[in-house]
Amino acid sequence: MEQPTFEGALKRLEEIVTHLERNELDLEQSLQRFEEGVKLIRFCATRLDEAERRIEILLADQGGRLHAEPFPEDSLEEGNSGGVS
């Protein structure tokens, strides 16, 4: 099976949440969807961690030298509106 994209994993996770919220599934189906959702959450968290590390690596100083710098936590909170600008 091919690895999902981050966006594909998020979309599938939204579908799973919708199914679980509707409460239309039997217990076994709910457990299967929940397990799938947990795997998708872990996948997305890993991808976000990888992206953060890449950003840290790619930051350059004024002289053009690359150096690692932690991603500012404030930027994450400000940009957490759910949409893309």
C-alpha atoms as a PDB file:
ATOM      1  CA  MET A   1       0.000   0.000   0.000  1.00  0.00           C
ATOM      2  CA  GLU A   2       1.294   3.460  -0.943  1.00  0.00           C
ATOM      3  CA  GLN A   3       2.060   5.953   1.842  1.00  0.00           C
ATOM      4  CA  PRO A   4      -0.643   8.655   1.977  1.00  0.00           C
ATOM      5  CA  THR A   5       0.145  12.324   1.569  1.00  0.00           C
ATOM      6  CA  PHE A   6      -0.220  14.560   4.599  1.00  0.00           C
ATOM      7  CA  GLU A   7      -3.277  16.175   3.027  1.00  0.00           C
ATOM      8  CA  GLY A   8      -4.785  12.788   2.129  1.00  0.00           C
ATOM      9  CA  ALA A   9      -4.252  11.550   5.677  1.00  0.00           C
ATOM     10  CA  LEU A  10      -5.964  14.637   7.102  1.00  0.00           C
ATOM     11  CA  LYS A  11      -8.914  14.212   4.747  1.00  0.00           C
ATOM     12  CA  ARG A  12      -9.301  10.550   5.717  1.00  0.00           C
ATOM     13  CA  LEU A  13      -9.038  11.493   9.389  1.00  0.00           C
ATOM     14  CA  GLU A  14     -11.874  14.009   8.938  1.00  0.00           C
ATOM     15  CA  GLU A  15     -13.982  11.280   7.312  1.00  0.00           C
ATOM     16  CA  ILE A  16     -13.314   8.925  10.218  1.00  0.00           C
ATOM     17  CA  VAL A  17     -14.267  11.578  12.777  1.00  0.00           C
ATOM     18  CA  THR A  18     -17.496  12.268  10.881  1.00  0.00           C
ATOM     19  CA  HIS A  19     -18.405   8.563  10.860  1.00  0.00           C
ATOM     20  CA  LEU A  20     -17.647   8.212  14.560  1.00  0.00           C
ATOM     21  CA  GLU A  21     -19.605  11.357  15.461  1.00  0.00           C
ATOM     22  CA  ARG A  22     -22.686  10.125  13.604  1.00  0.00           C
ATOM     23  CA  ASN A  23     -22.689   7.052  15.854  1.00  0.00           C
ATOM     24  CA  GLU A  24     -23.953   4.889  12.963  1.00  0.00           C
ATOM     25  CA  LEU A  25     -21.268   2.203  13.208  1.00  0.00           C
ATOM     26  CA  ASP A  26     -21.335  -0.917  15.308  1.00  0.00           C
ATOM     27  CA  LEU A  27     -18.677  -1.389  17.995  1.00  0.00           C
ATOM     28  CA  GLU A  28     -16.260  -3.374  15.813  1.00  0.00           C
ATOM     29  CA  GLN A  29     -16.454  -0.873  12.944  1.00  0.00           C
ATOM     30  CA  SER A  30     -15.979   2.001  15.389  1.00  0.00           C
ATOM     31  CA  LEU A  31     -12.884   0.345  16.855  1.00  0.00           C
ATOM     32  CA  GLN A  32     -11.449  -0.274  13.390  1.00  0.00           C
ATOM     33  CA  ARG A  33     -12.007   3.350  12.385  1.00  0.00           C
ATOM     34  CA  PHE A  34     -10.552   4.559  15.683  1.00  0.00           C
ATOM     35  CA  GLU A  35      -7.418   2.448  15.176  1.00  0.00           C
ATOM     36  CA  GLU A  36      -7.057   3.775  11.636  1.00  0.00           C
ATOM     37  CA  GLY A  37      -7.455   7.317  12.964  1.00  0.00           C
ATOM     38  CA  VAL A  38      -4.730   6.818  15.570  1.00  0.00           C
ATOM     39  CA  LYS A  39      -2.348   5.593  12.865  1.00  0.00           C
ATOM     40  CA  LEU A  40      -3.194   8.613  10.712  1.00  0.00           C
ATOM     41  CA  ILE A  41      -2.621  10.998  13.626  1.00  0.00           C
ATOM     42  CA  ARG A  42       0.795   9.452  14.260  1.00  0.00           C
ATOM     43  CA  PHE A  43       1.629   9.690  10.548  1.00  0.00           C
ATOM     44  CA  CYS A  44       0.620  13.380  10.441  1.00  0.00           C
ATOM     45  CA  ALA A  45       2.544  14.192  13.630  1.00  0.00           C
ATOM     46  CA  THR A  46       5.657  12.537  12.191  1.00  0.00           C
ATOM     47  CA  ARG A  47       5.329  14.474   8.939  1.00  0.00           C
ATOM     48  CA  LEU A  48       4.923  17.760  10.850  1.00  0.00           C
ATOM     49  CA  ASP A  49       8.023  16.976  12.937  1.00  0.00           C
ATOM     50  CA  GLU A  50       9.974  16.238   9.749  1.00  0.00           C
ATOM     51  CA  ALA A  51       8.815  19.501   8.185  1.00  0.00           C
ATOM     52  CA  GLU A  52       9.840  21.446  11.280  1.00  0.00           C
ATOM     53  CA  ARG A  53      13.319  19.883  11.177  1.00  0.00           C
ATOM     54  CA  ARG A  54      13.651  20.781   7.487  1.00  0.00           C
ATOM     55  CA  ILE A  55      12.712  24.391   8.236  1.00  0.00           C
ATOM     56  CA  GLU A  56      15.301  24.537  11.015  1.00  0.00           C
ATOM     57  CA  ILE A  57      17.985  23.212   8.671  1.00  0.00           C
ATOM     58  CA  LEU A  58      17.144  25.594   5.846  1.00  0.00           C
ATOM     59  CA  LEU A  59      17.281  28.832   7.812  1.00  0.00           C
ATOM     60  CA  ALA A  60      20.182  31.021   6.790  1.00  0.00           C
ATOM     61  CA  ASP A  61      21.805  33.867   8.652  1.00  0.00           C
ATOM     62  CA  GLN A  62      22.577  37.332   7.212  1.00  0.00           C
ATOM     63  CA  GLY A  63      25.858  36.104   5.709  1.00  0.00           C
ATOM     64  CA  GLY A  64      24.100  33.328   3.817  1.00  0.00           C
ATOM     65  CA  ARG A  65      25.408  30.635   6.153  1.00  0.00           C
ATOM     66  CA  LEU A  66      22.852  27.977   7.020  1.00  0.00           C
ATOM     67  CA  HIS A  67      22.252  27.315  10.675  1.00  0.00           C
ATOM     68  CA  ALA A  68      19.659  25.502  12.734  1.00  0.00           C
ATOM     69  CA  GLU A  69      17.206  27.656  14.596  1.00  0.00           C
ATOM     70  CA  PRO A  70      14.120  26.434  16.419  1.00  0.00           C
ATOM     71  CA  PHE A  71      10.809  27.258  14.802  1.00  0.00           C
ATOM     72  CA  PRO A  72       9.154  30.051  16.813  1.00  0.00           C
ATOM     73  CA  GLU A  73       6.226  28.715  18.826  1.00  0.00           C
ATOM     74  CA  ASP A  74       4.433  32.071  18.451  1.00  0.00           C
ATOM     75  CA  SER A  75       4.209  31.568  14.675  1.00  0.00           C
ATOM     76  CA  LEU A  76       2.431  28.271  15.157  1.00  0.00           C
ATOM     77  CA  GLU A  77      -0.171  29.811  17.464  1.00  0.00           C
ATOM     78  CA  GLU A  78      -0.767  32.827  15.207  1.00  0.00           C
ATOM     79  CA  GLY A  79      -1.083  30.679  12.095  1.00  0.00           C
ATOM     80  CA  ASN A  80      -3.432  28.207  13.721  1.00  0.00           C
ATOM     81  CA  SER A  81      -6.557  29.672  12.140  1.00  0.00           C
ATOM     82  CA  GLY A  82      -7.065  26.557  10.049  1.00  0.00           C
ATOM     83  CA  GLY A  83      -6.809  28.307   6.699  1.00  0.00           C
ATOM     84  CA  VAL A  84      -4.032  29.060   4.304  1.00  0.00           C
ATOM     85  CA  SER A  85      -3.286  32.705   3.561  1.00  0.00           C
END
